[in-house]
Amino acid sequence: MVKSHHMATIIVITSAIVSAIIMLWLGHDLPDLVASHFGTSGHANAYMPRTAFIAIMLFVTSVLPLLIWLLQVFAVRRGRLRIPNSDYWLAPANRAQTVAFLERHGAVLSVATTVFMTFVFVLVVKASHAQPPRLPLWPFVTALFAFMVFVLVWALLPFLRFRRRDNT
């Protein structure tokens, strides 16, 4: 059986690779100048070269979430934690379970960020095919709202889990 931290590592790295493949695959179809910023109406109001846009999006979508997750894993493993009832949850009897939860928890945010940003990239590719370029607002706003709600719930989960001194 694969340990949970190994599985989290595999999932985070796989999501970063899949995202990069999608971007490189779809990126070749972008115009030389890509609409890179859109106003509240959805119309493009800033452009950048295709290679710069793809490079920035690859970093923000694949590399950055992976790096943030790795930093969190290192911090968790070194005991640099601020959680409620840390004396209980970091005691030798509970430490492995706490570390595993926090590593999985960080992996979930990393993957969700990668998925959200990949979706944004796909919307920009779709927008680039319109003349003039126009971002489909409803899918973007819906995804942004869902991601914000997800992040709020994600941020509350450790508090809810560690506020009690038992494993339930």
C-alpha atoms as a PDB file:
ATOM      1  CA  MET A   1       0.000   0.000   0.000  1.00  0.00           C
ATOM      2  CA  VAL A   2       1.268   3.471  -0.879  1.00  0.00           C
ATOM      3  CA  LYS A   3       1.674   5.782   2.112  1.00  0.00           C
ATOM      4  CA  SER A   4      -0.524   8.862   2.083  1.00  0.00           C
ATOM      5  CA  HIS A   5       2.387  11.304   1.747  1.00  0.00           C
ATOM      6  CA  HIS A   6       3.676   9.363  -1.255  1.00  0.00           C
ATOM      7  CA  MET A   7       0.221   9.360  -2.806  1.00  0.00           C
ATOM      8  CA  ALA A   8      -0.127  13.112  -2.179  1.00  0.00           C
ATOM      9  CA  THR A   9       3.249  13.665  -3.838  1.00  0.00           C
ATOM     10  CA  ILE A  10       2.232  11.604  -6.864  1.00  0.00           C
ATOM     11  CA  ILE A  11      -1.083  13.452  -7.218  1.00  0.00           C
ATOM     12  CA  VAL A  12       0.463  16.933  -6.890  1.00  0.00           C
ATOM     13  CA  ILE A  13       3.246  16.195  -9.370  1.00  0.00           C
ATOM     14  CA  THR A  14       0.850  14.485 -11.789  1.00  0.00           C
ATOM     15  CA  SER A  15      -1.545  17.434 -11.746  1.00  0.00           C
ATOM     16  CA  ALA A  16       1.353  19.822 -12.437  1.00  0.00           C
ATOM     17  CA  ILE A  17       2.552  17.689 -15.361  1.00  0.00           C
ATOM     18  CA  VAL A  18      -0.927  17.251 -16.842  1.00  0.00           C
ATOM     19  CA  SER A  19      -1.519  20.996 -16.570  1.00  0.00           C
ATOM     20  CA  ALA A  20       1.793  21.738 -18.296  1.00  0.00           C
ATOM     21  CA  ILE A  21       0.953  19.304 -21.105  1.00  0.00           C
ATOM     22  CA  ILE A  22      -2.460  20.922 -21.608  1.00  0.00           C
ATOM     23  CA  MET A  23      -0.904  24.375 -21.752  1.00  0.00           C
ATOM     24  CA  LEU A  24       1.827  23.388 -24.159  1.00  0.00           C
ATOM     25  CA  TRP A  25      -0.688  21.501 -26.316  1.00  0.00           C
ATOM     26  CA  LEU A  26      -3.207  24.347 -26.467  1.00  0.00           C
ATOM     27  CA  GLY A  27      -0.588  27.095 -26.373  1.00  0.00           C
ATOM     28  CA  HIS A  28       0.733  26.353 -29.844  1.00  0.00           C
ATOM     29  CA  ASP A  29      -2.646  27.468 -31.195  1.00  0.00           C
ATOM     30  CA  LEU A  30      -2.480  30.923 -29.590  1.00  0.00           C
ATOM     31  CA  PRO A  31      -1.774  34.006 -31.719  1.00  0.00           C
ATOM     32  CA  ASP A  32       1.648  35.675 -31.521  1.00  0.00           C
ATOM     33  CA  LEU A  33       0.120  38.327 -29.246  1.00  0.00           C
ATOM     34  CA  VAL A  34      -2.162  36.809 -26.617  1.00  0.00           C
ATOM     35  CA  ALA A  35      -4.923  38.688 -24.850  1.00  0.00           C
ATOM     36  CA  SER A  36      -3.600  38.415 -21.310  1.00  0.00           C
ATOM     37  CA  HIS A  37      -5.900  40.706 -19.347  1.00  0.00           C
ATOM     38  CA  PHE A  38      -9.602  41.325 -19.630  1.00  0.00           C
ATOM     39  CA  GLY A  39     -11.847  44.077 -18.320  1.00  0.00           C
ATOM     40  CA  THR A  40     -15.091  43.559 -16.437  1.00  0.00           C
ATOM     41  CA  SER A  41     -16.930  43.379 -19.764  1.00  0.00           C
ATOM     42  CA  GLY A  42     -14.749  40.452 -20.809  1.00  0.00           C
ATOM     43  CA  HIS A  43     -13.000  42.413 -23.567  1.00  0.00           C
ATOM     44  CA  ALA A  44      -9.232  42.174 -23.801  1.00  0.00           C
ATOM     45  CA  ASN A  45      -7.359  45.251 -22.607  1.00  0.00           C
ATOM     46  CA  ALA A  46      -3.756  43.990 -22.492  1.00  0.00           C
ATOM     47  CA  TYR A  47      -1.651  41.651 -24.616  1.00  0.00           C
ATOM     48  CA  MET A  48       1.679  39.856 -24.351  1.00  0.00           C
ATOM     49  CA  PRO A  49       3.813  37.639 -26.562  1.00  0.00           C
ATOM     50  CA  ARG A  50       2.651  34.021 -26.728  1.00  0.00           C
ATOM     51  CA  THR A  51       5.902  32.587 -25.319  1.00  0.00           C
ATOM     52  CA  ALA A  52       5.864  34.974 -22.346  1.00  0.00           C
ATOM     53  CA  PHE A  53       2.194  34.232 -21.649  1.00  0.00           C
ATOM     54  CA  ILE A  54       2.720  30.472 -21.758  1.00  0.00           C
ATOM     55  CA  ALA A  55       5.834  30.701 -19.575  1.00  0.00           C
ATOM     56  CA  ILE A  56       4.058  32.799 -16.942  1.00  0.00           C
ATOM     57  CA  MET A  57       1.005  30.560 -16.952  1.00  0.00           C
ATOM     58  CA  LEU A  58       3.158  27.422 -16.693  1.00  0.00           C
ATOM     59  CA  PHE A  59       4.888  28.903 -13.668  1.00  0.00           C
ATOM     60  CA  VAL A  60       1.700  30.098 -11.959  1.00  0.00           C
ATOM     61  CA  THR A  61      -0.279  26.959 -12.761  1.00  0.00           C
ATOM     62  CA  SER A  62       2.201  24.103 -12.506  1.00  0.00           C
ATOM     63  CA  VAL A  63       5.356  25.228 -10.721  1.00  0.00           C
ATOM     64  CA  LEU A  64       4.082  27.645  -8.057  1.00  0.00           C
ATOM     65  CA  PRO A  65       1.414  25.356  -6.522  1.00  0.00           C
ATOM     66  CA  LEU A  66       3.987  22.546  -6.422  1.00  0.00           C
ATOM     67  CA  LEU A  67       6.578  24.777  -4.723  1.00  0.00           C
ATOM     68  CA  ILE A  68       4.081  26.068  -2.173  1.00  0.00           C
ATOM     69  CA  TRP A  69       3.038  22.514  -1.364  1.00  0.00           C
ATOM     70  CA  LEU A  70       6.668  21.429  -0.953  1.00  0.00           C
ATOM     71  CA  LEU A  71       7.348  24.355   1.383  1.00  0.00           C
ATOM     72  CA  GLN A  72       4.316  23.377   3.421  1.00  0.00           C
ATOM     73  CA  VAL A  73       5.470  19.757   3.599  1.00  0.00           C
ATOM     74  CA  PHE A  74       8.923  20.828   4.802  1.00  0.00           C
ATOM     75  CA  ALA A  75       7.397  23.167   7.394  1.00  0.00           C
ATOM     76  CA  VAL A  76       5.039  20.454   8.647  1.00  0.00           C
ATOM     77  CA  ARG A  77       7.801  17.871   8.887  1.00  0.00           C
ATOM     78  CA  ARG A  78      10.040  20.289  10.784  1.00  0.00           C
ATOM     79  CA  GLY A  79       7.273  20.977  13.263  1.00  0.00           C
ATOM     80  CA  ARG A  80       6.725  24.594  12.276  1.00  0.00           C
ATOM     81  CA  LEU A  81       3.017  24.429  12.881  1.00  0.00           C
ATOM     82  CA  ARG A  82       0.411  26.662  14.389  1.00  0.00           C
ATOM     83  CA  ILE A  83      -2.613  24.516  15.046  1.00  0.00           C
ATOM     84  CA  PRO A  84      -5.079  24.499  17.929  1.00  0.00           C
ATOM     85  CA  ASN A  85      -4.187  22.049  20.703  1.00  0.00           C
ATOM     86  CA  SER A  86      -0.743  21.517  19.176  1.00  0.00           C
ATOM     87  CA  ASP A  87       0.525  19.899  22.391  1.00  0.00           C
ATOM     88  CA  TYR A  88      -2.004  17.107  21.831  1.00  0.00           C
ATOM     89  CA  TRP A  89      -1.852  16.825  18.032  1.00  0.00           C
ATOM     90  CA  LEU A  90       1.948  16.925  17.864  1.00  0.00           C
ATOM     91  CA  ALA A  91       2.476  14.497  20.752  1.00  0.00           C
ATOM     92  CA  PRO A  92       4.279  11.341  19.599  1.00  0.00           C
ATOM     93  CA  ALA A  93       1.053   9.306  19.621  1.00  0.00           C
ATOM     94  CA  ASN A  94      -0.701  11.704  17.223  1.00  0.00           C
ATOM     95  CA  ARG A  95       2.131  13.349  15.284  1.00  0.00           C
ATOM     96  CA  ALA A  96       2.207  10.969  12.277  1.00  0.00           C
ATOM     97  CA  GLN A  97      -1.546  11.274  11.778  1.00  0.00           C
ATOM     98  CA  THR A  98      -1.368  15.082  12.078  1.00  0.00           C
ATOM     99  CA  VAL A  99       1.508  15.369   9.608  1.00  0.00           C
ATOM    100  CA  ALA A 100      -0.242  13.060   7.124  1.00  0.00           C
ATOM    101  CA  PHE A 101      -3.449  15.108   7.337  1.00  0.00           C
ATOM    102  CA  LEU A 102      -1.616  18.407   6.804  1.00  0.00           C
ATOM    103  CA  GLU A 103       0.366  17.038   3.847  1.00  0.00           C
ATOM    104  CA  ARG A 104      -2.828  15.755   2.202  1.00  0.00           C
ATOM    105  CA  HIS A 105      -4.566  19.012   3.037  1.00  0.00           C
ATOM    106  CA  GLY A 106      -1.821  21.024   1.337  1.00  0.00           C
ATOM    107  CA  ALA A 107      -1.886  18.697  -1.656  1.00  0.00           C
ATOM    108  CA  VAL A 108      -5.609  19.323  -2.096  1.00  0.00           C
ATOM    109  CA  LEU A 109      -5.039  23.087  -2.310  1.00  0.00           C
ATOM    110  CA  SER A 110      -2.157  22.621  -4.730  1.00  0.00           C
ATOM    111  CA  VAL A 111      -4.217  20.440  -7.061  1.00  0.00           C
ATOM    112  CA  ALA A 112      -7.275  22.707  -6.821  1.00  0.00           C
ATOM    113  CA  THR A 113      -5.155  25.748  -7.675  1.00  0.00           C
ATOM    114  CA  THR A 114      -3.633  23.938 -10.629  1.00  0.00           C
ATOM    115  CA  VAL A 115      -7.057  22.859 -11.895  1.00  0.00           C
ATOM    116  CA  PHE A 116      -8.522  26.354 -11.494  1.00  0.00           C
ATOM    117  CA  MET A 117      -5.617  28.071 -13.248  1.00  0.00           C
ATOM    118  CA  THR A 118      -5.636  25.492 -16.047  1.00  0.00           C
ATOM    119  CA  PHE A 119      -9.321  26.226 -16.535  1.00  0.00           C
ATOM    120  CA  VAL A 120      -8.516  29.951 -16.738  1.00  0.00           C
ATOM    121  CA  PHE A 121      -5.851  29.172 -19.339  1.00  0.00           C
ATOM    122  CA  VAL A 122      -8.394  27.217 -21.402  1.00  0.00           C
ATOM    123  CA  LEU A 123     -10.794  30.178 -21.201  1.00  0.00           C
ATOM    124  CA  VAL A 124      -8.050  32.520 -22.438  1.00  0.00           C
ATOM    125  CA  VAL A 125      -7.357  30.165 -25.340  1.00  0.00           C
ATOM    126  CA  LYS A 126     -11.070  30.215 -26.164  1.00  0.00           C
ATOM    127  CA  ALA A 127     -11.101  34.026 -25.867  1.00  0.00           C
ATOM    128  CA  SER A 128      -8.149  34.301 -28.235  1.00  0.00           C
ATOM    129  CA  HIS A 129     -10.220  32.734 -31.015  1.00  0.00           C
ATOM    130  CA  ALA A 130     -12.895  35.447 -30.813  1.00  0.00           C
ATOM    131  CA  GLN A 131     -12.523  38.682 -32.766  1.00  0.00           C
ATOM    132  CA  PRO A 132     -12.038  40.840 -30.855  1.00  0.00           C
ATOM    133  CA  PRO A 133     -10.763  38.619 -28.023  1.00  0.00           C
ATOM    134  CA  ARG A 134     -13.376  38.285 -25.298  1.00  0.00           C
ATOM    135  CA  LEU A 135     -13.225  36.176 -22.136  1.00  0.00           C
ATOM    136  CA  PRO A 136     -16.374  34.117 -21.493  1.00  0.00           C
ATOM    137  CA  LEU A 137     -17.382  35.829 -18.239  1.00  0.00           C
ATOM    138  CA  TRP A 138     -19.942  33.418 -16.775  1.00  0.00           C
ATOM    139  CA  PRO A 139     -17.639  30.401 -16.788  1.00  0.00           C
ATOM    140  CA  PHE A 140     -14.822  32.534 -15.366  1.00  0.00           C
ATOM    141  CA  VAL A 141     -16.923  34.157 -12.630  1.00  0.00           C
ATOM    142  CA  THR A 142     -18.523  30.831 -11.713  1.00  0.00           C
ATOM    143  CA  ALA A 143     -15.144  29.092 -11.482  1.00  0.00           C
ATOM    144  CA  LEU A 144     -13.635  31.986  -9.512  1.00  0.00           C
ATOM    145  CA  PHE A 145     -16.534  31.967  -7.045  1.00  0.00           C
ATOM    146  CA  ALA A 146     -16.314  28.187  -6.642  1.00  0.00           C
ATOM    147  CA  PHE A 147     -12.553  28.399  -6.094  1.00  0.00           C
ATOM    148  CA  MET A 148     -12.958  31.154  -3.491  1.00  0.00           C
ATOM    149  CA  VAL A 149     -15.586  29.122  -1.602  1.00  0.00           C
ATOM    150  CA  PHE A 150     -13.303  26.091  -1.818  1.00  0.00           C
ATOM    151  CA  VAL A 151     -10.350  28.058  -0.380  1.00  0.00           C
ATOM    152  CA  LEU A 152     -12.505  29.347   2.477  1.00  0.00           C
ATOM    153  CA  VAL A 153     -13.654  25.831   3.371  1.00  0.00           C
ATOM    154  CA  TRP A 154     -10.097  24.535   2.914  1.00  0.00           C
ATOM    155  CA  ALA A 155      -8.776  27.160   5.338  1.00  0.00           C
ATOM    156  CA  LEU A 156     -11.393  26.288   7.967  1.00  0.00           C
ATOM    157  CA  LEU A 157     -10.877  22.509   7.897  1.00  0.00           C
ATOM    158  CA  PRO A 158      -7.662  22.368   9.963  1.00  0.00           C
ATOM    159  CA  PHE A 159      -9.195  24.619  12.587  1.00  0.00           C
ATOM    160  CA  LEU A 160     -12.268  22.390  12.807  1.00  0.00           C
ATOM    161  CA  ARG A 161     -10.175  19.228  12.892  1.00  0.00           C
ATOM    162  CA  PHE A 162      -7.630  20.328  15.475  1.00  0.00           C
ATOM    163  CA  ARG A 163      -9.871  22.320  17.804  1.00  0.00           C
ATOM    164  CA  ARG A 164     -10.884  19.041  19.449  1.00  0.00           C
ATOM    165  CA  ARG A 165      -8.553  16.733  21.287  1.00  0.00           C
ATOM    166  CA  ASP A 166      -9.760  13.464  19.799  1.00  0.00           C
ATOM    167  CA  ASN A 167      -9.527  11.820  16.405  1.00  0.00           C
ATOM    168  CA  THR A 168     -13.097  12.498  15.302  1.00  0.00           C
END
